[in-house]
Amino acid sequence: MKALLIQTDHVVKQIEVDGHLKSMQDAVGGMIEYLPLTDNAHAYIDEEGKLKGKKVNVMATMLCRKLNIGLAPDDMIVGDMLILGSLNKKGDRDGEEHDVPSSLLPAFSKIIGQMIETL
């Protein structure tokens, strides 16, 4: 499925993941932690990223702050962030992973100041 990866080096790219735990862990480099972003998208980060000393992900932190996902004022996202869709093709939340919605790309692009290639 299509996903976005926001890397610590300010690169945002489309990647493919198969929706299995291992592919998502490989994308973020560790055990995944779920972060709700919008009604139709969510993200995963390495839940041990801070313990591992991963770099601050400025763009992911800006995105989370703008979307008001509940970061403490002095908290930040570290390591790469994987973004996936939450809704199936019928528009229902079924607990499965789905393609990142292409409708979110312009909003995310504006928030992080990057042009994200249209899926």
C-alpha atoms as a PDB file:
ATOM      1  CA  MET A   1       0.000   0.000   0.000  1.00  0.00           C
ATOM      2  CA  LYS A   2       1.047   3.595  -0.542  1.00  0.00           C
ATOM      3  CA  ALA A   3       2.482   5.421   2.428  1.00  0.00           C
ATOM      4  CA  LEU A   4       4.437   8.582   3.112  1.00  0.00           C
ATOM      5  CA  LEU A   5       7.706   8.552   4.967  1.00  0.00           C
ATOM      6  CA  ILE A   6       8.827  11.811   6.578  1.00  0.00           C
ATOM      7  CA  GLN A   7      12.530  11.402   7.218  1.00  0.00           C
ATOM      8  CA  THR A   8      14.703  13.254   9.702  1.00  0.00           C
ATOM      9  CA  ASP A   9      16.787  14.628   6.808  1.00  0.00           C
ATOM     10  CA  HIS A  10      13.764  16.656   5.593  1.00  0.00           C
ATOM     11  CA  VAL A  11      12.996  14.238   2.747  1.00  0.00           C
ATOM     12  CA  VAL A  12       9.367  13.240   2.260  1.00  0.00           C
ATOM     13  CA  LYS A  13       8.835  10.305  -0.026  1.00  0.00           C
ATOM     14  CA  GLN A  14       6.220   7.850  -1.081  1.00  0.00           C
ATOM     15  CA  ILE A  15       7.003   4.270  -0.198  1.00  0.00           C
ATOM     16  CA  GLU A  16       5.198   0.958  -0.379  1.00  0.00           C
ATOM     17  CA  VAL A  17       4.524  -1.115   2.731  1.00  0.00           C
ATOM     18  CA  ASP A  18       2.617  -4.376   2.862  1.00  0.00           C
ATOM     19  CA  GLY A  19       0.657  -3.513   6.004  1.00  0.00           C
ATOM     20  CA  HIS A  20       2.354  -6.174   8.096  1.00  0.00           C
ATOM     21  CA  LEU A  21       4.002  -5.214  11.350  1.00  0.00           C
ATOM     22  CA  LYS A  22       7.523  -5.969  10.119  1.00  0.00           C
ATOM     23  CA  SER A  23       7.286  -3.688   7.078  1.00  0.00           C
ATOM     24  CA  MET A  24       6.070  -0.802   9.234  1.00  0.00           C
ATOM     25  CA  GLN A  25       8.785  -1.445  11.823  1.00  0.00           C
ATOM     26  CA  ASP A  26      11.394  -1.541   9.058  1.00  0.00           C
ATOM     27  CA  ALA A  27      10.146   1.806   7.736  1.00  0.00           C
ATOM     28  CA  VAL A  28      10.612   3.585  11.094  1.00  0.00           C
ATOM     29  CA  GLY A  29      13.546   1.539  12.336  1.00  0.00           C
ATOM     30  CA  GLY A  30      12.040   0.000  15.435  1.00  0.00           C
ATOM     31  CA  MET A  31       8.954  -0.944  17.415  1.00  0.00           C
ATOM     32  CA  ILE A  32       6.037   1.154  16.195  1.00  0.00           C
ATOM     33  CA  GLU A  33       3.982   3.644  18.157  1.00  0.00           C
ATOM     34  CA  TYR A  34       0.610   4.735  16.749  1.00  0.00           C
ATOM     35  CA  LEU A  35      -0.229   8.434  16.395  1.00  0.00           C
ATOM     36  CA  PRO A  36      -3.662   9.608  15.205  1.00  0.00           C
ATOM     37  CA  LEU A  37      -3.303  12.454  12.704  1.00  0.00           C
ATOM     38  CA  THR A  38      -6.688  13.090  11.094  1.00  0.00           C
ATOM     39  CA  ASP A  39      -9.986  11.266  10.700  1.00  0.00           C
ATOM     40  CA  ASN A  40      -8.587   9.416   7.707  1.00  0.00           C
ATOM     41  CA  ALA A  41      -4.853   9.123   8.397  1.00  0.00           C
ATOM     42  CA  HIS A  42      -2.538   7.968  11.151  1.00  0.00           C
ATOM     43  CA  ALA A  43       1.188   7.662  11.654  1.00  0.00           C
ATOM     44  CA  TYR A  44       3.758   5.382  13.190  1.00  0.00           C
ATOM     45  CA  ILE A  45       7.064   6.314  14.768  1.00  0.00           C
ATOM     46  CA  ASP A  46       9.736   4.303  16.581  1.00  0.00           C
ATOM     47  CA  GLU A  47       8.442   4.133  20.153  1.00  0.00           C
ATOM     48  CA  GLU A  48      12.008   3.863  21.447  1.00  0.00           C
ATOM     49  CA  GLY A  49      13.409   6.591  19.192  1.00  0.00           C
ATOM     50  CA  LYS A  50      14.338   8.906  22.041  1.00  0.00           C
ATOM     51  CA  LEU A  51      16.029   6.107  23.987  1.00  0.00           C
ATOM     52  CA  LYS A  52      18.004   5.236  20.846  1.00  0.00           C
ATOM     53  CA  GLY A  53      19.117   8.849  20.429  1.00  0.00           C
ATOM     54  CA  LYS A  54      17.438   9.311  17.038  1.00  0.00           C
ATOM     55  CA  LYS A  55      17.508  12.743  15.418  1.00  0.00           C
ATOM     56  CA  VAL A  56      14.657  15.198  15.870  1.00  0.00           C
ATOM     57  CA  ASN A  57      12.247  15.082  12.941  1.00  0.00           C
ATOM     58  CA  VAL A  58      11.427  18.779  12.527  1.00  0.00           C
ATOM     59  CA  MET A  59       8.864  18.307   9.746  1.00  0.00           C
ATOM     60  CA  ALA A  60       7.022  15.498  11.563  1.00  0.00           C
ATOM     61  CA  THR A  61       6.991  17.561  14.757  1.00  0.00           C
ATOM     62  CA  MET A  62       5.587  20.581  12.862  1.00  0.00           C
ATOM     63  CA  LEU A  63       2.902  18.390  11.302  1.00  0.00           C
ATOM     64  CA  CYS A  64       1.883  16.944  14.681  1.00  0.00           C
ATOM     65  CA  ARG A  65       1.782  20.387  16.299  1.00  0.00           C
ATOM     66  CA  LYS A  66      -0.340  21.801  13.490  1.00  0.00           C
ATOM     67  CA  LEU A  67      -2.736  18.844  13.713  1.00  0.00           C
ATOM     68  CA  ASN A  68      -2.801  19.199  17.514  1.00  0.00           C
ATOM     69  CA  ILE A  69      -2.193  15.518  18.251  1.00  0.00           C
ATOM     70  CA  GLY A  70      -1.327  16.235  21.868  1.00  0.00           C
ATOM     71  CA  LEU A  71       2.417  16.721  22.012  1.00  0.00           C
ATOM     72  CA  ALA A  72       3.579  18.365  25.212  1.00  0.00           C
ATOM     73  CA  PRO A  73       5.007  21.863  24.592  1.00  0.00           C
ATOM     74  CA  ASP A  74       8.590  20.632  24.947  1.00  0.00           C
ATOM     75  CA  ASP A  75       8.079  17.269  23.205  1.00  0.00           C
ATOM     76  CA  MET A  76       9.158  16.398  19.676  1.00  0.00           C
ATOM     77  CA  ILE A  77       9.035  13.559  17.176  1.00  0.00           C
ATOM     78  CA  VAL A  78      12.335  11.767  16.668  1.00  0.00           C
ATOM     79  CA  GLY A  79      13.217   9.377  13.870  1.00  0.00           C
ATOM     80  CA  ASP A  80      11.295   8.794  10.678  1.00  0.00           C
ATOM     81  CA  MET A  81       7.485   8.966  10.584  1.00  0.00           C
ATOM     82  CA  LEU A  82       5.330   6.657   8.458  1.00  0.00           C
ATOM     83  CA  ILE A  83       1.875   7.919   7.423  1.00  0.00           C
ATOM     84  CA  LEU A  84      -0.906   5.563   6.294  1.00  0.00           C
ATOM     85  CA  GLY A  85      -4.609   5.809   5.636  1.00  0.00           C
ATOM     86  CA  SER A  86      -7.219   4.804   8.217  1.00  0.00           C
ATOM     87  CA  LEU A  87     -10.280   4.372   5.975  1.00  0.00           C
ATOM     88  CA  ASN A  88     -11.084   1.691   3.431  1.00  0.00           C
ATOM     89  CA  LYS A  89     -12.406   2.460  -0.070  1.00  0.00           C
ATOM     90  CA  LYS A  90     -15.954   2.642   1.295  1.00  0.00           C
ATOM     91  CA  GLY A  91     -14.862   5.315   3.756  1.00  0.00           C
ATOM     92  CA  ASP A  92     -15.147   3.043   6.773  1.00  0.00           C
ATOM     93  CA  ARG A  93     -12.650   2.556   9.578  1.00  0.00           C
ATOM     94  CA  ASP A  94     -12.070  -1.201   9.632  1.00  0.00           C
ATOM     95  CA  GLY A  95      -8.934  -1.439  11.772  1.00  0.00           C
ATOM     96  CA  GLU A  96      -6.751  -2.247   8.770  1.00  0.00           C
ATOM     97  CA  GLU A  97      -3.992  -0.224   7.134  1.00  0.00           C
ATOM     98  CA  HIS A  98      -4.817   1.566   3.860  1.00  0.00           C
ATOM     99  CA  ASP A  99      -3.208   3.803   1.247  1.00  0.00           C
ATOM    100  CA  VAL A 100      -2.484   7.278   2.519  1.00  0.00           C
ATOM    101  CA  PRO A 101      -5.321   9.457   1.166  1.00  0.00           C
ATOM    102  CA  SER A 102      -4.186  11.576  -1.762  1.00  0.00           C
ATOM    103  CA  SER A 103      -6.569  14.326  -0.567  1.00  0.00           C
ATOM    104  CA  LEU A 104      -4.281  14.911   2.432  1.00  0.00           C
ATOM    105  CA  LEU A 105      -1.158  15.523   0.408  1.00  0.00           C
ATOM    106  CA  PRO A 106      -1.793  19.235  -0.325  1.00  0.00           C
ATOM    107  CA  ALA A 107      -2.550  19.953   3.337  1.00  0.00           C
ATOM    108  CA  PHE A 108       0.486  18.031   4.575  1.00  0.00           C
ATOM    109  CA  SER A 109       2.613  19.702   1.934  1.00  0.00           C
ATOM    110  CA  LYS A 110       1.537  23.145   3.083  1.00  0.00           C
ATOM    111  CA  ILE A 111       2.079  22.316   6.745  1.00  0.00           C
ATOM    112  CA  ILE A 112       5.592  20.977   6.352  1.00  0.00           C
ATOM    113  CA  GLY A 113       6.603  23.387   3.636  1.00  0.00           C
ATOM    114  CA  GLN A 114       7.433  20.655   1.168  1.00  0.00           C
ATOM    115  CA  MET A 115       6.012  19.719  -2.178  1.00  0.00           C
ATOM    116  CA  ILE A 116       4.898  16.114  -1.822  1.00  0.00           C
ATOM    117  CA  GLU A 117       4.662  14.318  -5.136  1.00  0.00           C
ATOM    118  CA  THR A 118       1.078  13.377  -5.892  1.00  0.00           C
ATOM    119  CA  LEU A 119       0.445   9.677  -5.505  1.00  0.00           C
END
